[in-house]
PDB file of N, CA and C in Angstrom:
ATOM      1  N   LEU A   1      -7.072   0.152   5.299  1.00  0.00           N
ATOM      2  CA  LEU A   1      -5.363  -0.598   6.177  1.00  0.00           C
ATOM      3  C   LEU A   1      -4.063  -0.142   5.251  1.00  0.00           C
ATOM      4  N   LEU A   2      -4.466   0.343   3.852  1.00  0.00           N
ATOM      5  CA  LEU A   2      -3.249   0.636   3.385  1.00  0.00           C
ATOM      6  C   LEU A   2      -3.577   2.634   3.540  1.00  0.00           C
ATOM      7  N   GLU A   3      -4.547   3.150   4.030  1.00  0.00           N
ATOM      8  CA  GLU A   3      -4.729   3.961   4.408  1.00  0.00           C
ATOM      9  C   GLU A   3      -3.752   4.758   5.471  1.00  0.00           C
ATOM     10  N   MET A   4      -4.435   3.785   6.678  1.00  0.00           N
ATOM     11  CA  MET A   4      -2.881   3.857   7.362  1.00  0.00           C
ATOM     12  C   MET A   4      -2.032   4.188   7.649  1.00  0.00           C
ATOM     13  N   LEU A   5      -1.320   2.888   6.658  1.00  0.00           N
ATOM     14  CA  LEU A   5      -0.425   3.201   6.184  1.00  0.00           C
ATOM     15  C   LEU A   5      -0.230   4.197   6.258  1.00  0.00           C
ATOM     16  N   VAL A   6      -0.223   5.014   4.732  1.00  0.00           N
ATOM     17  CA  VAL A   6      -0.150   6.063   4.735  1.00  0.00           C
ATOM     18  C   VAL A   6       0.261   7.248   5.703  1.00  0.00           C
ATOM     19  N   LYS A   7      -0.417   7.344   7.177  1.00  0.00           N
ATOM     20  CA  LYS A   7      -1.194   8.615   7.570  1.00  0.00           C
ATOM     21  C   LYS A   7      -0.006   8.326   8.035  1.00  0.00           C
ATOM     22  N   ASN A   8       0.756   6.467   8.652  1.00  0.00           N
ATOM     23  CA  ASN A   8       1.715   6.306   9.674  1.00  0.00           C
ATOM     24  C   ASN A   8       2.868   6.482   8.974  1.00  0.00           C
ATOM     25  N   CYS A   9       3.207   6.144   8.070  1.00  0.00           N
ATOM     26  CA  CYS A   9       4.398   6.183   7.427  1.00  0.00           C
ATOM     27  C   CYS A   9       4.862   7.903   6.692  1.00  0.00           C
ATOM     28  N   GLY A  10       3.966   8.335   6.465  1.00  0.00           N
ATOM     29  CA  GLY A  10       4.081   9.194   5.379  1.00  0.00           C
ATOM     30  C   GLY A  10       4.222   9.303   4.054  1.00  0.00           C
ATOM     31  N   GLU A  11       4.437  10.375   3.503  1.00  0.00           N
ATOM     32  CA  GLU A  11       4.592  10.226   1.663  1.00  0.00           C
ATOM     33  C   GLU A  11       5.860   9.421   1.620  1.00  0.00           C
ATOM     34  N   TYR A  12       7.291   9.537   1.701  1.00  0.00           N
ATOM     35  CA  TYR A  12       8.451   9.177   1.267  1.00  0.00           C
ATOM     36  C   TYR A  12       7.376   7.290   1.117  1.00  0.00           C
ATOM     37  N   VAL A  13       7.051   6.743   2.453  1.00  0.00           N
ATOM     38  CA  VAL A  13       6.567   5.205   2.100  1.00  0.00           C
ATOM     39  C   VAL A  13       6.020   5.590   1.628  1.00  0.00           C
ATOM     40  N   TRP A  14       4.649   5.969   1.174  1.00  0.00           N
ATOM     41  CA  TRP A  14       4.321   5.982   0.452  1.00  0.00           C
ATOM     42  C   TRP A  14       4.580   5.818  -1.205  1.00  0.00           C
ATOM     43  N   CYS A  15       5.296   6.306  -1.296  1.00  0.00           N
ATOM     44  CA  CYS A  15       5.977   7.221  -2.419  1.00  0.00           C
ATOM     45  C   CYS A  15       6.495   5.195  -3.553  1.00  0.00           C
ATOM     46  N   GLN A  16       7.287   4.637  -2.103  1.00  0.00           N
ATOM     47  CA  GLN A  16       7.685   2.972  -2.033  1.00  0.00           C
ATOM     48  C   GLN A  16       7.027   2.191  -2.586  1.00  0.00           C
ATOM     49  N   VAL A  17       5.863   2.310  -2.165  1.00  0.00           N
ATOM     50  CA  VAL A  17       4.554   0.855  -1.446  1.00  0.00           C
ATOM     51  C   VAL A  17       4.551   1.727  -3.893  1.00  0.00           C
ATOM     52  N   VAL A  18       4.011   2.597  -4.231  1.00  0.00           N
ATOM     53  CA  VAL A  18       3.403   2.964  -5.447  1.00  0.00           C
ATOM     54  C   VAL A  18       4.618   2.349  -6.700  1.00  0.00           C
ATOM     55  N   GLU A  19       5.724   2.750  -6.239  1.00  0.00           N
ATOM     56  CA  GLU A  19       7.233   2.588  -6.582  1.00  0.00           C
ATOM     57  C   GLU A  19       7.676   0.754  -7.467  1.00  0.00           C
ATOM     58  N   THR A  20       7.058  -0.125  -5.442  1.00  0.00           N
ATOM     59  CA  THR A  20       6.414  -1.831  -6.023  1.00  0.00           C
ATOM     60  C   THR A  20       5.909  -1.995  -6.855  1.00  0.00           C
ATOM     61  N   ASN A  21       4.689  -1.281  -6.730  1.00  0.00           N
ATOM     62  CA  ASN A  21       3.247  -2.295  -7.237  1.00  0.00           C
ATOM     63  C   ASN A  21       2.947  -2.915  -5.886  1.00  0.00           C
ATOM     64  N   ILE A  22       3.161  -2.249  -4.738  1.00  0.00           N
ATOM     65  CA  ILE A  22       2.682  -3.255  -3.355  1.00  0.00           C
ATOM     66  C   ILE A  22       1.059  -3.157  -3.316  1.00  0.00           C
ATOM     67  N   LEU A  23       0.629  -1.838  -3.989  1.00  0.00           N
ATOM     68  CA  LEU A  23      -0.605  -1.844  -4.013  1.00  0.00           C
ATOM     69  C   LEU A  23      -1.758  -2.464  -4.984  1.00  0.00           C
ATOM     70  N   GLN A  24      -1.006  -3.575  -5.555  1.00  0.00           N
ATOM     71  CA  GLN A  24      -1.193  -3.965  -7.235  1.00  0.00           C
ATOM     72  C   GLN A  24      -1.621  -5.675  -5.836  1.00  0.00           C
ATOM     73  N   LYS A  25      -0.317  -5.895  -5.458  1.00  0.00           N
ATOM     74  CA  LYS A  25      -0.182  -6.641  -4.521  1.00  0.00           C
ATOM     75  C   LYS A  25      -1.517  -6.616  -3.570  1.00  0.00           C
ATOM     76  N   ILE A  26      -1.388  -5.621  -2.794  1.00  0.00           N
ATOM     77  CA  ILE A  26      -2.265  -5.682  -1.662  1.00  0.00           C
ATOM     78  C   ILE A  26      -4.248  -5.387  -1.793  1.00  0.00           C
ATOM     79  N   ILE A  27      -4.639  -5.538  -2.893  1.00  0.00           N
ATOM     80  CA  ILE A  27      -6.176  -5.508  -3.870  1.00  0.00           C
ATOM     81  C   ILE A  27      -6.107  -7.053  -4.164  1.00  0.00           C
ATOM     82  N   LYS A  28      -5.100  -7.203  -4.860  1.00  0.00           N
ATOM     83  CA  LYS A  28      -5.273  -8.761  -5.058  1.00  0.00           C
ATOM     84  C   LYS A  28      -5.662 -10.047  -4.326  1.00  0.00           C
ATOM     85  N   LEU A  29      -4.731  -9.279  -2.495  1.00  0.00           N
ATOM     86  CA  LEU A  29      -4.890 -10.434  -1.696  1.00  0.00           C
ATOM     87  C   LEU A  29      -6.573 -10.087  -1.167  1.00  0.00           C
ATOM     88  N   ALA A  30      -6.587  -8.815  -1.197  1.00  0.00           N
ATOM     89  CA  ALA A  30      -7.899  -8.365  -0.525  1.00  0.00           C
ATOM     90  C   ALA A  30      -9.294  -9.136  -1.106  1.00  0.00           C
ATOM     91  N   GLN A  31      -8.619  -9.158  -2.683  1.00  0.00           N
ATOM     92  CA  GLN A  31      -9.669  -9.873  -2.668  1.00  0.00           C
ATOM     93  C   GLN A  31     -10.044 -11.479  -3.191  1.00  0.00           C
ATOM     94  N   GLN A  32      -9.124 -11.644  -2.624  1.00  0.00           N
ATOM     95  CA  GLN A  32      -9.029 -13.550  -2.691  1.00  0.00           C
ATOM     96  C   GLN A  32      -9.595 -13.807  -0.945  1.00  0.00           C
ATOM     97  N   THR A  33      -9.826 -12.683  -0.301  1.00  0.00           N
ATOM     98  CA  THR A  33     -10.148 -12.604   0.701  1.00  0.00           C
ATOM     99  C   THR A  33     -11.757 -13.485   0.959  1.00  0.00           C
TER     100      THR A  33
END
């Protein structure tokens, strides 16, 4: 999912994801399921 988002949205959005720590939130959500 994350890889798809990066490919579709581009580096700008990827930088926003990193800056807002969305990656950590996604990992936590993935571990809960």
